Amino acid sequence: MGADRGPSSSGKTTFSKRLAVQLLACGISPFALAKDNYLSTGILTPLDEDGKPDFEAISALGSRAPDSDLKRLIDGEGCSFRITTF
């Protein structure tokens, strides 16, 4: 298991996709959990000092935290979630 983190537009998704390609080439089937898929939407999204959505704030995570999905995957169970695209 691995994790990468950083601010918006720092290349986390690009890195994850490149890592997945390399792992597949080594016979390992990776699965990425993206924080973006757990963000609140609409009126629940916190705003920054300029009134714009603040997706970096921890409070931007919705009520469904990724840790429960990660535990289920480690235990060999399945999970489903919304895919968010920006």
N, C-alpha and C. Protein backbone atom coordinates (compact mmCIF):
# COMPACT_ATOMS: atom_id res chain seq x y z
N MET A 1 0.85 -1.15 0.00
CA MET A 1 0.00 0.00 0.00
C MET A 1 0.91 1.23 0.00
N GLY A 2 0.48 2.25 -0.71
CA GLY A 2 1.23 3.49 -0.77
C GLY A 2 0.28 4.67 -0.76
N ALA A 3 0.81 5.82 -0.53
CA ALA A 3 0.01 7.04 -0.53
C ALA A 3 0.83 8.18 -1.09
N ASP A 4 0.15 9.07 -1.79
CA ASP A 4 0.81 10.30 -2.19
C ASP A 4 -0.12 11.45 -1.83
N ARG A 5 0.48 12.57 -1.50
CA ARG A 5 -0.31 13.71 -1.10
C ARG A 5 0.38 14.99 -1.55
N GLY A 6 -0.41 16.04 -1.62
CA GLY A 6 0.11 17.32 -2.03
C GLY A 6 -1.04 18.24 -2.37
N PRO A 7 -0.73 19.48 -2.65
CA PRO A 7 -1.78 20.45 -2.97
C PRO A 7 -2.40 20.19 -4.34
N SER A 8 -3.48 20.89 -4.62
CA SER A 8 -4.14 20.77 -5.92
C SER A 8 -3.13 21.02 -7.05
N SER A 9 -3.29 20.27 -8.11
CA SER A 9 -2.47 20.41 -9.33
C SER A 9 -0.99 20.13 -9.11
N SER A 10 -0.67 19.28 -8.12
CA SER A 10 0.74 18.96 -7.88
C SER A 10 1.18 17.68 -8.56
N GLY A 11 0.26 17.01 -9.27
CA GLY A 11 0.63 15.82 -10.03
C GLY A 11 0.32 14.49 -9.35
N LYS A 12 -0.50 14.51 -8.31
CA LYS A 12 -0.82 13.27 -7.58
C LYS A 12 -1.50 12.24 -8.49
N THR A 13 -2.49 12.68 -9.25
CA THR A 13 -3.22 11.75 -10.11
C THR A 13 -2.32 11.24 -11.22
N THR A 14 -1.52 12.12 -11.82
CA THR A 14 -0.59 11.71 -12.86
C THR A 14 0.40 10.69 -12.32
N PHE A 15 0.94 10.95 -11.15
CA PHE A 15 1.88 10.01 -10.52
C PHE A 15 1.21 8.67 -10.28
N SER A 16 -0.02 8.69 -9.75
CA SER A 16 -0.74 7.44 -9.46
C SER A 16 -0.97 6.63 -10.72
N LYS A 17 -1.33 7.30 -11.80
CA LYS A 17 -1.56 6.59 -13.06
C LYS A 17 -0.27 6.00 -13.62
N ARG A 18 0.82 6.75 -13.53
CA ARG A 18 2.11 6.22 -14.00
C ARG A 18 2.57 5.04 -13.14
N LEU A 19 2.36 5.15 -11.84
CA LEU A 19 2.72 4.06 -10.94
C LEU A 19 1.88 2.82 -11.26
N ALA A 20 0.60 3.01 -11.53
CA ALA A 20 -0.28 1.89 -11.87
C ALA A 20 0.22 1.17 -13.11
N VAL A 21 0.66 1.91 -14.12
CA VAL A 21 1.18 1.30 -15.35
C VAL A 21 2.41 0.45 -15.04
N GLN A 22 3.30 0.97 -14.23
CA GLN A 22 4.51 0.22 -13.88
C GLN A 22 4.20 -1.02 -13.06
N LEU A 23 3.26 -0.89 -12.13
CA LEU A 23 2.87 -2.05 -11.32
C LEU A 23 2.22 -3.12 -12.19
N LEU A 24 1.37 -2.70 -13.12
CA LEU A 24 0.76 -3.66 -14.05
C LEU A 24 1.82 -4.39 -14.86
N ALA A 25 2.86 -3.66 -15.28
CA ALA A 25 3.95 -4.27 -16.04
C ALA A 25 4.69 -5.31 -15.21
N CYS A 26 4.63 -5.17 -13.88
CA CYS A 26 5.26 -6.13 -12.98
C CYS A 26 4.30 -7.22 -12.52
N GLY A 27 3.09 -7.23 -13.06
CA GLY A 27 2.12 -8.26 -12.71
C GLY A 27 1.30 -7.96 -11.46
N ILE A 28 1.33 -6.73 -11.02
CA ILE A 28 0.57 -6.33 -9.83
C ILE A 28 -0.62 -5.50 -10.28
N SER A 29 -1.81 -5.83 -9.79
CA SER A 29 -3.02 -5.10 -10.17
C SER A 29 -3.36 -4.07 -9.09
N PRO A 30 -3.00 -2.81 -9.32
CA PRO A 30 -3.25 -1.78 -8.31
C PRO A 30 -4.68 -1.24 -8.37
N PHE A 31 -5.09 -0.64 -7.29
CA PHE A 31 -6.37 0.06 -7.23
C PHE A 31 -6.16 1.34 -6.43
N ALA A 32 -6.50 2.47 -7.04
CA ALA A 32 -6.27 3.75 -6.39
C ALA A 32 -7.57 4.28 -5.78
N LEU A 33 -7.48 4.76 -4.56
CA LEU A 33 -8.58 5.49 -3.94
C LEU A 33 -8.22 6.97 -3.99
N ALA A 34 -9.02 7.75 -4.68
CA ALA A 34 -8.74 9.18 -4.81
C ALA A 34 -9.58 9.99 -3.83
N LYS A 35 -8.93 10.92 -3.15
CA LYS A 35 -9.65 11.79 -2.21
C LYS A 35 -10.79 12.52 -2.90
N ASP A 36 -10.61 12.87 -4.17
CA ASP A 36 -11.65 13.59 -4.91
C ASP A 36 -12.99 12.86 -4.89
N ASN A 37 -12.95 11.54 -4.81
CA ASN A 37 -14.18 10.75 -4.82
C ASN A 37 -14.93 10.81 -3.49
N TYR A 38 -14.36 11.45 -2.50
CA TYR A 38 -14.98 11.53 -1.18
C TYR A 38 -15.35 12.96 -0.79
N LEU A 39 -15.17 13.90 -1.72
CA LEU A 39 -15.46 15.29 -1.41
C LEU A 39 -16.96 15.57 -1.34
N SER A 40 -17.33 16.49 -0.47
CA SER A 40 -18.71 16.96 -0.41
C SER A 40 -19.00 17.73 -1.69
N THR A 41 -20.25 17.81 -2.04
CA THR A 41 -20.62 18.55 -3.24
C THR A 41 -21.67 19.60 -2.90
N GLY A 42 -21.78 20.58 -3.78
CA GLY A 42 -22.82 21.58 -3.64
C GLY A 42 -22.67 22.43 -2.39
N ILE A 43 -23.77 22.64 -1.69
CA ILE A 43 -23.79 23.55 -0.55
C ILE A 43 -22.98 23.02 0.64
N LEU A 44 -22.62 21.74 0.63
CA LEU A 44 -21.84 21.18 1.73
C LEU A 44 -20.36 21.48 1.62
N THR A 45 -19.90 21.92 0.45
CA THR A 45 -18.48 22.20 0.26
C THR A 45 -18.10 23.50 0.97
N PRO A 46 -17.07 23.45 1.83
CA PRO A 46 -16.65 24.68 2.53
C PRO A 46 -16.09 25.69 1.53
N LEU A 47 -16.17 26.96 1.88
CA LEU A 47 -15.66 28.02 1.02
C LEU A 47 -14.40 28.63 1.62
N ASP A 48 -13.50 29.10 0.76
CA ASP A 48 -12.30 29.77 1.24
C ASP A 48 -12.59 31.25 1.48
N GLU A 49 -11.56 32.02 1.80
CA GLU A 49 -11.75 33.43 2.12
C GLU A 49 -12.24 34.26 0.94
N ASP A 50 -12.09 33.72 -0.29
CA ASP A 50 -12.58 34.42 -1.48
C ASP A 50 -13.97 33.94 -1.89
N GLY A 51 -14.57 33.04 -1.10
CA GLY A 51 -15.89 32.53 -1.42
C GLY A 51 -15.91 31.41 -2.44
N LYS A 52 -14.74 30.86 -2.75
CA LYS A 52 -14.64 29.76 -3.72
C LYS A 52 -14.58 28.43 -2.97
N PRO A 53 -15.04 27.34 -3.60
CA PRO A 53 -14.98 26.03 -2.93
C PRO A 53 -13.55 25.70 -2.49
N ASP A 54 -13.39 25.26 -1.23
CA ASP A 54 -12.09 24.92 -0.67
C ASP A 54 -11.99 23.40 -0.55
N PHE A 55 -11.52 22.76 -1.62
CA PHE A 55 -11.43 21.31 -1.64
C PHE A 55 -10.21 20.80 -0.87
N GLU A 56 -9.34 21.69 -0.41
CA GLU A 56 -8.18 21.29 0.37
C GLU A 56 -8.52 21.14 1.85
N ALA A 57 -9.62 21.75 2.29
CA ALA A 57 -10.01 21.69 3.71
C ALA A 57 -10.44 20.27 4.07
N ILE A 58 -10.04 19.82 5.26
CA ILE A 58 -10.43 18.47 5.71
C ILE A 58 -11.95 18.37 5.81
N SER A 59 -12.61 19.48 6.09
CA SER A 59 -14.07 19.47 6.18
C SER A 59 -14.73 19.30 4.81
N ALA A 60 -13.93 19.35 3.73
CA ALA A 60 -14.48 19.12 2.39
C ALA A 60 -14.79 17.65 2.17
N LEU A 61 -14.20 16.78 2.99
CA LEU A 61 -14.52 15.36 2.87
C LEU A 61 -15.96 15.14 3.30
N GLY A 62 -16.67 14.35 2.55
CA GLY A 62 -18.06 14.06 2.88
C GLY A 62 -18.17 13.19 4.11
N SER A 63 -19.38 12.80 4.44
CA SER A 63 -19.61 11.99 5.64
C SER A 63 -19.05 10.59 5.48
N ARG A 64 -18.81 10.16 4.26
CA ARG A 64 -18.27 8.84 4.02
C ARG A 64 -16.75 8.93 3.85
N ALA A 65 -16.03 8.55 4.85
CA ALA A 65 -14.57 8.68 4.83
C ALA A 65 -13.92 7.51 4.10
N PRO A 66 -12.77 7.76 3.46
CA PRO A 66 -12.10 6.70 2.72
C PRO A 66 -11.56 5.57 3.59
N ASP A 67 -11.37 5.81 4.90
CA ASP A 67 -10.80 4.77 5.74
C ASP A 67 -11.70 3.54 5.83
N SER A 68 -13.02 3.73 5.79
CA SER A 68 -13.92 2.57 5.85
C SER A 68 -13.82 1.75 4.56
N ASP A 69 -13.70 2.42 3.41
CA ASP A 69 -13.54 1.69 2.14
C ASP A 69 -12.20 0.98 2.10
N LEU A 70 -11.16 1.63 2.58
CA LEU A 70 -9.84 1.02 2.60
C LEU A 70 -9.82 -0.23 3.46
N LYS A 71 -10.45 -0.16 4.62
CA LYS A 71 -10.53 -1.34 5.49
C LYS A 71 -11.28 -2.47 4.80
N ARG A 72 -12.37 -2.15 4.14
CA ARG A 72 -13.13 -3.18 3.42
C ARG A 72 -12.29 -3.83 2.32
N LEU A 73 -11.54 -3.02 1.58
CA LEU A 73 -10.70 -3.58 0.51
C LEU A 73 -9.60 -4.46 1.08
N ILE A 74 -8.98 -4.04 2.18
CA ILE A 74 -7.93 -4.85 2.82
C ILE A 74 -8.51 -6.17 3.30
N ASP A 75 -9.76 -6.14 3.78
CA ASP A 75 -10.42 -7.35 4.26
C ASP A 75 -10.96 -8.22 3.13
N GLY A 76 -10.72 -7.81 1.87
CA GLY A 76 -11.15 -8.59 0.73
C GLY A 76 -12.60 -8.37 0.34
N GLU A 77 -13.23 -7.36 0.90
CA GLU A 77 -14.62 -7.06 0.57
C GLU A 77 -14.65 -6.04 -0.57
N GLY A 78 -15.81 -5.84 -1.15
CA GLY A 78 -15.98 -4.85 -2.20
C GLY A 78 -16.54 -3.56 -1.65
N CYS A 79 -16.45 -2.52 -2.43
CA CYS A 79 -17.05 -1.24 -2.07
C CYS A 79 -17.35 -0.48 -3.36
N SER A 80 -18.26 0.45 -3.26
CA SER A 80 -18.57 1.28 -4.43
C SER A 80 -18.64 2.72 -3.97
N PHE A 81 -18.32 3.62 -4.89
CA PHE A 81 -18.34 5.04 -4.56
C PHE A 81 -18.50 5.84 -5.85
N ARG A 82 -18.87 7.10 -5.67
CA ARG A 82 -19.05 8.02 -6.79
C ARG A 82 -17.68 8.42 -7.33
N ILE A 83 -17.55 8.49 -8.65
CA ILE A 83 -16.31 8.98 -9.27
C ILE A 83 -16.50 10.45 -9.58
N THR A 84 -15.62 11.28 -9.05
CA THR A 84 -15.69 12.72 -9.25
C THR A 84 -14.67 13.14 -10.30
N THR A 85 -15.09 13.97 -11.24
CA THR A 85 -14.17 14.52 -12.21
C THR A 85 -14.27 16.05 -12.17
N PHE A 86 -13.15 16.70 -12.38
CA PHE A 86 -13.13 18.16 -12.37
C PHE A 86 -12.79 18.67 -13.73
